[in-house]
Amino acid sequence: MQDLTALYRLTISNDLCDFPLSPAQSDELTRRTEELESQLSLSDDASTKLYEQIEAQMTKQVDAGLCKPSGDWAREYARQTEALTTPK
């Protein structure tokens, strides 16, 4: 569930903060998210509810600098999205 939460945070950051995401990263993010949702046997309603909870939490953090381009989350976001398309 932690991995799915992390993937949702990346998706939300792309939308909420307008952080960059290449087409390849977006495709991989979608693939991994769908794979985890399936592995966890989450219904559409359950995954939507979880996504919306995370989105609400993150939205509350915007004023505190969540979307600051030079902030901690921006650096972590960049690290995590880079890892999406880095060969293992």
PDB file of N, CA and C in Angstrom:
ATOM      1  N   MET A   1       0.826  -1.196   0.000  1.00  0.00           N
ATOM      2  CA  MET A   1       0.000   0.000   0.000  1.00  0.00           C
ATOM      3  C   MET A   1       0.874   1.266   0.000  1.00  0.00           C
ATOM      4  N   GLN A   2       2.044   1.185   0.652  1.00  0.00           N
ATOM      5  CA  GLN A   2       2.954   2.336   0.668  1.00  0.00           C
ATOM      6  C   GLN A   2       3.438   2.666  -0.745  1.00  0.00           C
ATOM      7  N   ASP A   3       3.701   1.631  -1.533  1.00  0.00           N
ATOM      8  CA  ASP A   3       4.162   1.866  -2.907  1.00  0.00           C
ATOM      9  C   ASP A   3       3.072   2.547  -3.726  1.00  0.00           C
ATOM     10  N   LEU A   4       1.830   2.109  -3.543  1.00  0.00           N
ATOM     11  CA  LEU A   4       0.722   2.719  -4.277  1.00  0.00           C
ATOM     12  C   LEU A   4       0.540   4.174  -3.843  1.00  0.00           C
ATOM     13  N   THR A   5       0.637   4.423  -2.563  1.00  0.00           N
ATOM     14  CA  THR A   5       0.538   5.792  -2.049  1.00  0.00           C
ATOM     15  C   THR A   5       1.625   6.668  -2.669  1.00  0.00           C
ATOM     16  N   ALA A   6       2.823   6.142  -2.775  1.00  0.00           N
ATOM     17  CA  ALA A   6       3.937   6.901  -3.376  1.00  0.00           C
ATOM     18  C   ALA A   6       3.651   7.223  -4.842  1.00  0.00           C
ATOM     19  N   LEU A   7       3.100   6.259  -5.554  1.00  0.00           N
ATOM     20  CA  LEU A   7       2.776   6.492  -6.970  1.00  0.00           C
ATOM     21  C   LEU A   7       1.662   7.525  -7.110  1.00  0.00           C
ATOM     22  N   TYR A   8       0.672   7.448  -6.251  1.00  0.00           N
ATOM     23  CA  TYR A   8      -0.396   8.452  -6.272  1.00  0.00           C
ATOM     24  C   TYR A   8       0.177   9.839  -5.989  1.00  0.00           C
ATOM     25  N   ARG A   9       1.107   9.926  -5.054  1.00  0.00           N
ATOM     26  CA  ARG A   9       1.722  11.221  -4.731  1.00  0.00           C
ATOM     27  C   ARG A   9       2.439  11.816  -5.959  1.00  0.00           C
ATOM     28  N   LEU A  10       3.078  10.958  -6.734  1.00  0.00           N
ATOM     29  CA  LEU A  10       3.746  11.443  -7.946  1.00  0.00           C
ATOM     30  C   LEU A  10       2.725  11.976  -8.946  1.00  0.00           C
ATOM     31  N   THR A  11       1.656  11.226  -9.150  1.00  0.00           N
ATOM     32  CA  THR A  11       0.610  11.655 -10.089  1.00  0.00           C
ATOM     33  C   THR A  11      -0.007  12.970  -9.642  1.00  0.00           C
ATOM     34  N   ILE A  12      -0.319  13.062  -8.370  1.00  0.00           N
ATOM     35  CA  ILE A  12      -0.930  14.278  -7.830  1.00  0.00           C
ATOM     36  C   ILE A  12       0.032  15.461  -7.950  1.00  0.00           C
ATOM     37  N   SER A  13       1.302  15.238  -7.698  1.00  0.00           N
ATOM     38  CA  SER A  13       2.293  16.311  -7.794  1.00  0.00           C
ATOM     39  C   SER A  13       2.406  16.834  -9.211  1.00  0.00           C
ATOM     40  N   ASN A  14       2.293  15.946 -10.170  1.00  0.00           N
ATOM     41  CA  ASN A  14       2.332  16.360 -11.566  1.00  0.00           C
ATOM     42  C   ASN A  14       1.170  17.303 -11.858  1.00  0.00           C
ATOM     43  N   ASP A  15       0.000  16.983 -11.343  1.00  0.00           N
ATOM     44  CA  ASP A  15      -1.191  17.813 -11.564  1.00  0.00           C
ATOM     45  C   ASP A  15      -1.202  19.063 -10.686  1.00  0.00           C
ATOM     46  N   LEU A  16      -1.005  18.871  -9.393  1.00  0.00           N
ATOM     47  CA  LEU A  16      -1.135  19.940  -8.404  1.00  0.00           C
ATOM     48  C   LEU A  16      -0.014  20.970  -8.507  1.00  0.00           C
ATOM     49  N   CYS A  17       1.196  20.502  -8.686  1.00  0.00           N
ATOM     50  CA  CYS A  17       2.372  21.382  -8.675  1.00  0.00           C
ATOM     51  C   CYS A  17       2.912  21.660 -10.069  1.00  0.00           C
ATOM     52  N   ASP A  18       2.354  20.987 -11.053  1.00  0.00           N
ATOM     53  CA  ASP A  18       2.829  21.103 -12.429  1.00  0.00           C
ATOM     54  C   ASP A  18       4.295  20.684 -12.543  1.00  0.00           C
ATOM     55  N   PHE A  19       4.682  19.678 -11.735  1.00  0.00           N
ATOM     56  CA  PHE A  19       6.018  19.116 -11.839  1.00  0.00           C
ATOM     57  C   PHE A  19       6.108  18.324 -13.143  1.00  0.00           C
ATOM     58  N   PRO A  20       7.285  18.297 -13.769  1.00  0.00           N
ATOM     59  CA  PRO A  20       7.429  17.640 -15.072  1.00  0.00           C
ATOM     60  C   PRO A  20       7.325  16.120 -14.997  1.00  0.00           C
ATOM     61  N   LEU A  21       6.803  15.561 -16.086  1.00  0.00           N
ATOM     62  CA  LEU A  21       6.694  14.115 -16.227  1.00  0.00           C
ATOM     63  C   LEU A  21       6.730  13.812 -17.719  1.00  0.00           C
ATOM     64  N   SER A  22       7.744  13.078 -18.146  1.00  0.00           N
ATOM     65  CA  SER A  22       7.866  12.753 -19.566  1.00  0.00           C
ATOM     66  C   SER A  22       6.794  11.736 -19.944  1.00  0.00           C
ATOM     67  N   PRO A  23       6.511  11.607 -21.229  1.00  0.00           N
ATOM     68  CA  PRO A  23       5.540  10.594 -21.661  1.00  0.00           C
ATOM     69  C   PRO A  23       5.932   9.184 -21.207  1.00  0.00           C
ATOM     70  N   ALA A  24       7.219   8.854 -21.269  1.00  0.00           N
ATOM     71  CA  ALA A  24       7.675   7.523 -20.832  1.00  0.00           C
ATOM     72  C   ALA A  24       7.464   7.343 -19.336  1.00  0.00           C
ATOM     73  N   GLN A  25       7.741   8.384 -18.565  1.00  0.00           N
ATOM     74  CA  GLN A  25       7.531   8.313 -17.118  1.00  0.00           C
ATOM     75  C   GLN A  25       6.044   8.195 -16.797  1.00  0.00           C
ATOM     76  N   SER A  26       5.236   8.934 -17.513  1.00  0.00           N
ATOM     77  CA  SER A  26       3.786   8.871 -17.308  1.00  0.00           C
ATOM     78  C   SER A  26       3.251   7.475 -17.606  1.00  0.00           C
ATOM     79  N   ASP A  27       3.711   6.898 -18.696  1.00  0.00           N
ATOM     80  CA  ASP A  27       3.283   5.541 -19.067  1.00  0.00           C
ATOM     81  C   ASP A  27       3.696   4.530 -18.001  1.00  0.00           C
ATOM     82  N   GLU A  28       4.919   4.644 -17.510  1.00  0.00           N
ATOM     83  CA  GLU A  28       5.411   3.718 -16.490  1.00  0.00           C
ATOM     84  C   GLU A  28       4.679   3.921 -15.170  1.00  0.00           C
ATOM     85  N   LEU A  29       4.406   5.161 -14.830  1.00  0.00           N
ATOM     86  CA  LEU A  29       3.653   5.467 -13.612  1.00  0.00           C
ATOM     87  C   LEU A  29       2.252   4.851 -13.682  1.00  0.00           C
ATOM     88  N   THR A  30       1.606   4.988 -14.815  1.00  0.00           N
ATOM     89  CA  THR A  30       0.278   4.395 -15.003  1.00  0.00           C
ATOM     90  C   THR A  30       0.346   2.876 -14.923  1.00  0.00           C
ATOM     91  N   ARG A  31       1.342   2.293 -15.581  1.00  0.00           N
ATOM     92  CA  ARG A  31       1.479   0.837 -15.588  1.00  0.00           C
ATOM     93  C   ARG A  31       1.681   0.295 -14.164  1.00  0.00           C
ATOM     94  N   ARG A  32       2.597   0.923 -13.443  1.00  0.00           N
ATOM     95  CA  ARG A  32       2.876   0.464 -12.071  1.00  0.00           C
ATOM     96  C   ARG A  32       1.675   0.666 -11.145  1.00  0.00           C
ATOM     97  N   THR A  33       0.997   1.783 -11.304  1.00  0.00           N
ATOM     98  CA  THR A  33      -0.185   2.054 -10.481  1.00  0.00           C
ATOM     99  C   THR A  33      -1.258   1.004 -10.715  1.00  0.00           C
ATOM    100  N   GLU A  34      -1.546   0.735 -11.982  1.00  0.00           N
ATOM    101  CA  GLU A  34      -2.571  -0.257 -12.308  1.00  0.00           C
ATOM    102  C   GLU A  34      -2.176  -1.649 -11.815  1.00  0.00           C
ATOM    103  N   GLU A  35      -0.904  -1.960 -11.932  1.00  0.00           N
ATOM    104  CA  GLU A  35      -0.396  -3.256 -11.469  1.00  0.00           C
ATOM    105  C   GLU A  35      -0.578  -3.410  -9.955  1.00  0.00           C
ATOM    106  N   LEU A  36      -0.221  -2.374  -9.211  1.00  0.00           N
ATOM    107  CA  LEU A  36      -0.361  -2.423  -7.756  1.00  0.00           C
ATOM    108  C   LEU A  36      -1.826  -2.474  -7.327  1.00  0.00           C
ATOM    109  N   GLU A  37      -2.659  -1.688  -7.979  1.00  0.00           N
ATOM    110  CA  GLU A  37      -4.090  -1.722  -7.656  1.00  0.00           C
ATOM    111  C   GLU A  37      -4.641  -3.127  -7.851  1.00  0.00           C
ATOM    112  N   SER A  38      -4.196  -3.776  -8.901  1.00  0.00           N
ATOM    113  CA  SER A  38      -4.636  -5.146  -9.179  1.00  0.00           C
ATOM    114  C   SER A  38      -4.100  -6.118  -8.132  1.00  0.00           C
ATOM    115  N   GLN A  39      -2.823  -6.015  -7.813  1.00  0.00           N
ATOM    116  CA  GLN A  39      -2.212  -6.896  -6.815  1.00  0.00           C
ATOM    117  C   GLN A  39      -2.871  -6.750  -5.453  1.00  0.00           C
ATOM    118  N   LEU A  40      -3.272  -5.527  -5.130  1.00  0.00           N
ATOM    119  CA  LEU A  40      -3.905  -5.262  -3.842  1.00  0.00           C
ATOM    120  C   LEU A  40      -5.408  -5.541  -3.869  1.00  0.00           C
ATOM    121  N   SER A  41      -5.902  -5.929  -5.036  1.00  0.00           N
ATOM    122  CA  SER A  41      -7.336  -6.208  -5.220  1.00  0.00           C
ATOM    123  C   SER A  41      -8.207  -5.030  -4.783  1.00  0.00           C
ATOM    124  N   LEU A  42      -7.763  -3.820  -5.122  1.00  0.00           N
ATOM    125  CA  LEU A  42      -8.526  -2.626  -4.779  1.00  0.00           C
ATOM    126  C   LEU A  42      -9.646  -2.413  -5.789  1.00  0.00           C
ATOM    127  N   SER A  43     -10.824  -2.151  -5.291  1.00  0.00           N
ATOM    128  CA  SER A  43     -11.934  -1.811  -6.185  1.00  0.00           C
ATOM    129  C   SER A  43     -11.701  -0.398  -6.719  1.00  0.00           C
ATOM    130  N   ASP A  44     -12.430  -0.042  -7.755  1.00  0.00           N
ATOM    131  CA  ASP A  44     -12.318   1.314  -8.283  1.00  0.00           C
ATOM    132  C   ASP A  44     -12.675   2.339  -7.211  1.00  0.00           C
ATOM    133  N   ASP A  45     -13.714   2.043  -6.443  1.00  0.00           N
ATOM    134  CA  ASP A  45     -14.134   2.964  -5.379  1.00  0.00           C
ATOM    135  C   ASP A  45     -13.051   3.120  -4.314  1.00  0.00           C
ATOM    136  N   ALA A  46     -12.430   2.021  -3.920  1.00  0.00           N
ATOM    137  CA  ALA A  46     -11.396   2.074  -2.892  1.00  0.00           C
ATOM    138  C   ALA A  46     -10.169   2.838  -3.383  1.00  0.00           C
ATOM    139  N   SER A  47      -9.768   2.594  -4.621  1.00  0.00           N
ATOM    140  CA  SER A  47      -8.594   3.305  -5.141  1.00  0.00           C
ATOM    141  C   SER A  47      -8.895   4.794  -5.309  1.00  0.00           C
ATOM    142  N   THR A  48     -10.102   5.120  -5.749  1.00  0.00           N
ATOM    143  CA  THR A  48     -10.491   6.525  -5.885  1.00  0.00           C
ATOM    144  C   THR A  48     -10.507   7.218  -4.528  1.00  0.00           C
ATOM    145  N   LYS A  49     -11.044   6.544  -3.523  1.00  0.00           N
ATOM    146  CA  LYS A  49     -11.104   7.118  -2.177  1.00  0.00           C
ATOM    147  C   LYS A  49      -9.693   7.384  -1.644  1.00  0.00           C
ATOM    148  N   LEU A  50      -8.796   6.422  -1.804  1.00  0.00           N
ATOM    149  CA  LEU A  50      -7.421   6.589  -1.349  1.00  0.00           C
ATOM    150  C   LEU A  50      -6.754   7.752  -2.080  1.00  0.00           C
ATOM    151  N   TYR A  51      -6.914   7.799  -3.401  1.00  0.00           N
ATOM    152  CA  TYR A  51      -6.338   8.872  -4.211  1.00  0.00           C
ATOM    153  C   TYR A  51      -6.835  10.235  -3.720  1.00  0.00           C
ATOM    154  N   GLU A  52      -8.140  10.339  -3.492  1.00  0.00           N
ATOM    155  CA  GLU A  52      -8.719  11.608  -3.068  1.00  0.00           C
ATOM    156  C   GLU A  52      -8.238  12.019  -1.675  1.00  0.00           C
ATOM    157  N   GLN A  53      -8.030  11.046  -0.791  1.00  0.00           N
ATOM    158  CA  GLN A  53      -7.499  11.351   0.540  1.00  0.00           C
ATOM    159  C   GLN A  53      -6.081  11.923   0.436  1.00  0.00           C
ATOM    160  N   ILE A  54      -5.263  11.296  -0.387  1.00  0.00           N
ATOM    161  CA  ILE A  54      -3.879  11.757  -0.569  1.00  0.00           C
ATOM    162  C   ILE A  54      -3.872  13.139  -1.218  1.00  0.00           C
ATOM    163  N   GLU A  55      -4.727  13.321  -2.203  1.00  0.00           N
ATOM    164  CA  GLU A  55      -4.820  14.609  -2.893  1.00  0.00           C
ATOM    165  C   GLU A  55      -5.223  15.721  -1.913  1.00  0.00           C
ATOM    166  N   ALA A  56      -6.178  15.434  -1.031  1.00  0.00           N
ATOM    167  CA  ALA A  56      -6.613  16.430  -0.049  1.00  0.00           C
ATOM    168  C   ALA A  56      -5.468  16.776   0.905  1.00  0.00           C
ATOM    169  N   GLN A  57      -4.728  15.763   1.346  1.00  0.00           N
ATOM    170  CA  GLN A  57      -3.593  16.003   2.240  1.00  0.00           C
ATOM    171  C   GLN A  57      -2.539  16.867   1.559  1.00  0.00           C
ATOM    172  N   MET A  58      -2.256  16.548   0.314  1.00  0.00           N
ATOM    173  CA  MET A  58      -1.220  17.286  -0.408  1.00  0.00           C
ATOM    174  C   MET A  58      -1.663  18.714  -0.707  1.00  0.00           C
ATOM    175  N   THR A  59      -2.928  18.894  -1.034  1.00  0.00           N
ATOM    176  CA  THR A  59      -3.451  20.231  -1.316  1.00  0.00           C
ATOM    177  C   THR A  59      -3.289  21.135  -0.101  1.00  0.00           C
ATOM    178  N   LYS A  60      -3.489  20.581   1.085  1.00  0.00           N
ATOM    179  CA  LYS A  60      -3.309  21.353   2.319  1.00  0.00           C
ATOM    180  C   LYS A  60      -1.849  21.772   2.519  1.00  0.00           C
ATOM    181  N   GLN A  61      -0.922  21.045   1.902  1.00  0.00           N
ATOM    182  CA  GLN A  61       0.502  21.328   2.077  1.00  0.00           C
ATOM    183  C   GLN A  61       1.056  22.334   1.062  1.00  0.00           C
ATOM    184  N   VAL A  62       0.244  22.719   0.090  1.00  0.00           N
ATOM    185  CA  VAL A  62       0.719  23.637  -0.951  1.00  0.00           C
ATOM    186  C   VAL A  62       1.175  24.960  -0.351  1.00  0.00           C
ATOM    187  N   ASP A  63       0.373  25.539   0.530  1.00  0.00           N
ATOM    188  CA  ASP A  63       0.740  26.828   1.127  1.00  0.00           C
ATOM    189  C   ASP A  63       2.021  26.746   1.957  1.00  0.00           C
ATOM    190  N   ALA A  64       2.332  25.554   2.443  1.00  0.00           N
ATOM    191  CA  ALA A  64       3.552  25.356   3.237  1.00  0.00           C
ATOM    192  C   ALA A  64       4.774  25.117   2.351  1.00  0.00           C
ATOM    193  N   GLY A  65       4.594  25.180   1.038  1.00  0.00           N
ATOM    194  CA  GLY A  65       5.734  25.067   0.130  1.00  0.00           C
ATOM    195  C   GLY A  65       5.887  23.736  -0.575  1.00  0.00           C
ATOM    196  N   LEU A  66       4.860  22.904  -0.550  1.00  0.00           N
ATOM    197  CA  LEU A  66       4.948  21.592  -1.205  1.00  0.00           C
ATOM    198  C   LEU A  66       5.411  21.703  -2.656  1.00  0.00           C
ATOM    199  N   CYS A  67       4.890  22.693  -3.364  1.00  0.00           N
ATOM    200  CA  CYS A  67       5.174  22.809  -4.801  1.00  0.00           C
ATOM    201  C   CYS A  67       6.357  23.716  -5.125  1.00  0.00           C
ATOM    202  N   LYS A  68       7.073  24.135  -4.127  1.00  0.00           N
ATOM    203  CA  LYS A  68       8.230  25.008  -4.344  1.00  0.00           C
ATOM    204  C   LYS A  68       9.264  24.257  -5.190  1.00  0.00           C
ATOM    205  N   PRO A  69       9.633  24.814  -6.350  1.00  0.00           N
ATOM    206  CA  PRO A  69      10.541  24.108  -7.259  1.00  0.00           C
ATOM    207  C   PRO A  69      11.887  23.721  -6.645  1.00  0.00           C
ATOM    208  N   SER A  70      12.356  24.472  -5.663  1.00  0.00           N
ATOM    209  CA  SER A  70      13.636  24.154  -5.029  1.00  0.00           C
ATOM    210  C   SER A  70      13.451  23.449  -3.684  1.00  0.00           C
ATOM    211  N   GLY A  71      12.228  23.027  -3.404  1.00  0.00           N
ATOM    212  CA  GLY A  71      11.932  22.409  -2.119  1.00  0.00           C
ATOM    213  C   GLY A  71      12.295  20.933  -2.041  1.00  0.00           C
ATOM    214  N   ASP A  72      12.178  20.407  -0.836  1.00  0.00           N
ATOM    215  CA  ASP A  72      12.507  19.005  -0.587  1.00  0.00           C
ATOM    216  C   ASP A  72      11.648  18.062  -1.427  1.00  0.00           C
ATOM    217  N   TRP A  73      10.331  18.334  -1.498  1.00  0.00           N
ATOM    218  CA  TRP A  73       9.459  17.433  -2.243  1.00  0.00           C
ATOM    219  C   TRP A  73       9.781  17.485  -3.742  1.00  0.00           C
ATOM    220  N   ALA A  74      10.114  18.631  -4.267  1.00  0.00           N
ATOM    221  CA  ALA A  74      10.466  18.739  -5.684  1.00  0.00           C
ATOM    222  C   ALA A  74      11.696  17.881  -5.988  1.00  0.00           C
ATOM    223  N   ARG A  75      12.672  17.885  -5.095  1.00  0.00           N
ATOM    224  CA  ARG A  75      13.873  17.064  -5.296  1.00  0.00           C
ATOM    225  C   ARG A  75      13.525  15.572  -5.192  1.00  0.00           C
ATOM    226  N   GLU A  76      12.695  15.223  -4.222  1.00  0.00           N
ATOM    227  CA  GLU A  76      12.294  13.823  -4.056  1.00  0.00           C
ATOM    228  C   GLU A  76      11.448  13.363  -5.244  1.00  0.00           C
ATOM    229  N   TYR A  77      10.574  14.224  -5.705  1.00  0.00           N
ATOM    230  CA  TYR A  77       9.749  13.933  -6.885  1.00  0.00           C
ATOM    231  C   TYR A  77      10.658  13.651  -8.090  1.00  0.00           C
ATOM    232  N   ALA A  78      11.645  14.500  -8.299  1.00  0.00           N
ATOM    233  CA  ALA A  78      12.574  14.328  -9.422  1.00  0.00           C
ATOM    234  C   ALA A  78      13.323  13.001  -9.304  1.00  0.00           C
ATOM    235  N   ARG A  79      13.753  12.665  -8.092  1.00  0.00           N
ATOM    236  CA  ARG A  79      14.470  11.409  -7.879  1.00  0.00           C
ATOM    237  C   ARG A  79      13.558  10.216  -8.198  1.00  0.00           C
ATOM    238  N   GLN A  80      12.344  10.258  -7.701  1.00  0.00           N
ATOM    239  CA  GLN A  80      11.424   9.140  -7.903  1.00  0.00           C
ATOM    240  C   GLN A  80      10.973   9.005  -9.357  1.00  0.00           C
ATOM    241  N   THR A  81      10.709  10.118 -10.021  1.00  0.00           N
ATOM    242  CA  THR A  81      10.276  10.020 -11.418  1.00  0.00           C
ATOM    243  C   THR A  81      11.431   9.580 -12.316  1.00  0.00           C
ATOM    244  N   GLU A  82      12.640   9.978 -11.982  1.00  0.00           N
ATOM    245  CA  GLU A  82      13.811   9.516 -12.741  1.00  0.00           C
ATOM    246  C   GLU A  82      13.929   8.005 -12.631  1.00  0.00           C
ATOM    247  N   ALA A  83      13.664   7.480 -11.447  1.00  0.00           N
ATOM    248  CA  ALA A  83      13.768   6.029 -11.214  1.00  0.00           C
ATOM    249  C   ALA A  83      12.714   5.246 -11.981  1.00  0.00           C
ATOM    250  N   LEU A  84      11.640   5.909 -12.405  1.00  0.00           N
ATOM    251  CA  LEU A  84      10.591   5.210 -13.161  1.00  0.00           C
ATOM    252  C   LEU A  84      11.100   4.651 -14.483  1.00  0.00           C
ATOM    253  N   THR A  85      12.027   5.361 -15.097  1.00  0.00           N
ATOM    254  CA  THR A  85      12.487   4.949 -16.427  1.00  0.00           C
ATOM    255  C   THR A  85      13.961   4.572 -16.457  1.00  0.00           C
ATOM    256  N   THR A  86      14.559   4.429 -15.291  1.00  0.00           N
ATOM    257  CA  THR A  86      15.950   4.003 -15.224  1.00  0.00           C
ATOM    258  C   THR A  86      16.003   2.488 -15.300  1.00  0.00           C
ATOM    259  N   PRO A  87      16.764   1.946 -16.235  1.00  0.00           N
ATOM    260  CA  PRO A  87      16.862   0.478 -16.331  1.00  0.00           C
ATOM    261  C   PRO A  87      17.412  -0.110 -15.031  1.00  0.00           C
ATOM    262  N   LYS A  88      16.852  -1.246 -14.660  1.00  0.00           N
ATOM    263  CA  LYS A  88      17.282  -1.906 -13.415  1.00  0.00           C
ATOM    264  C   LYS A  88      18.420  -2.859 -13.669  1.00  0.00           C
TER     265      LYS A  88
END
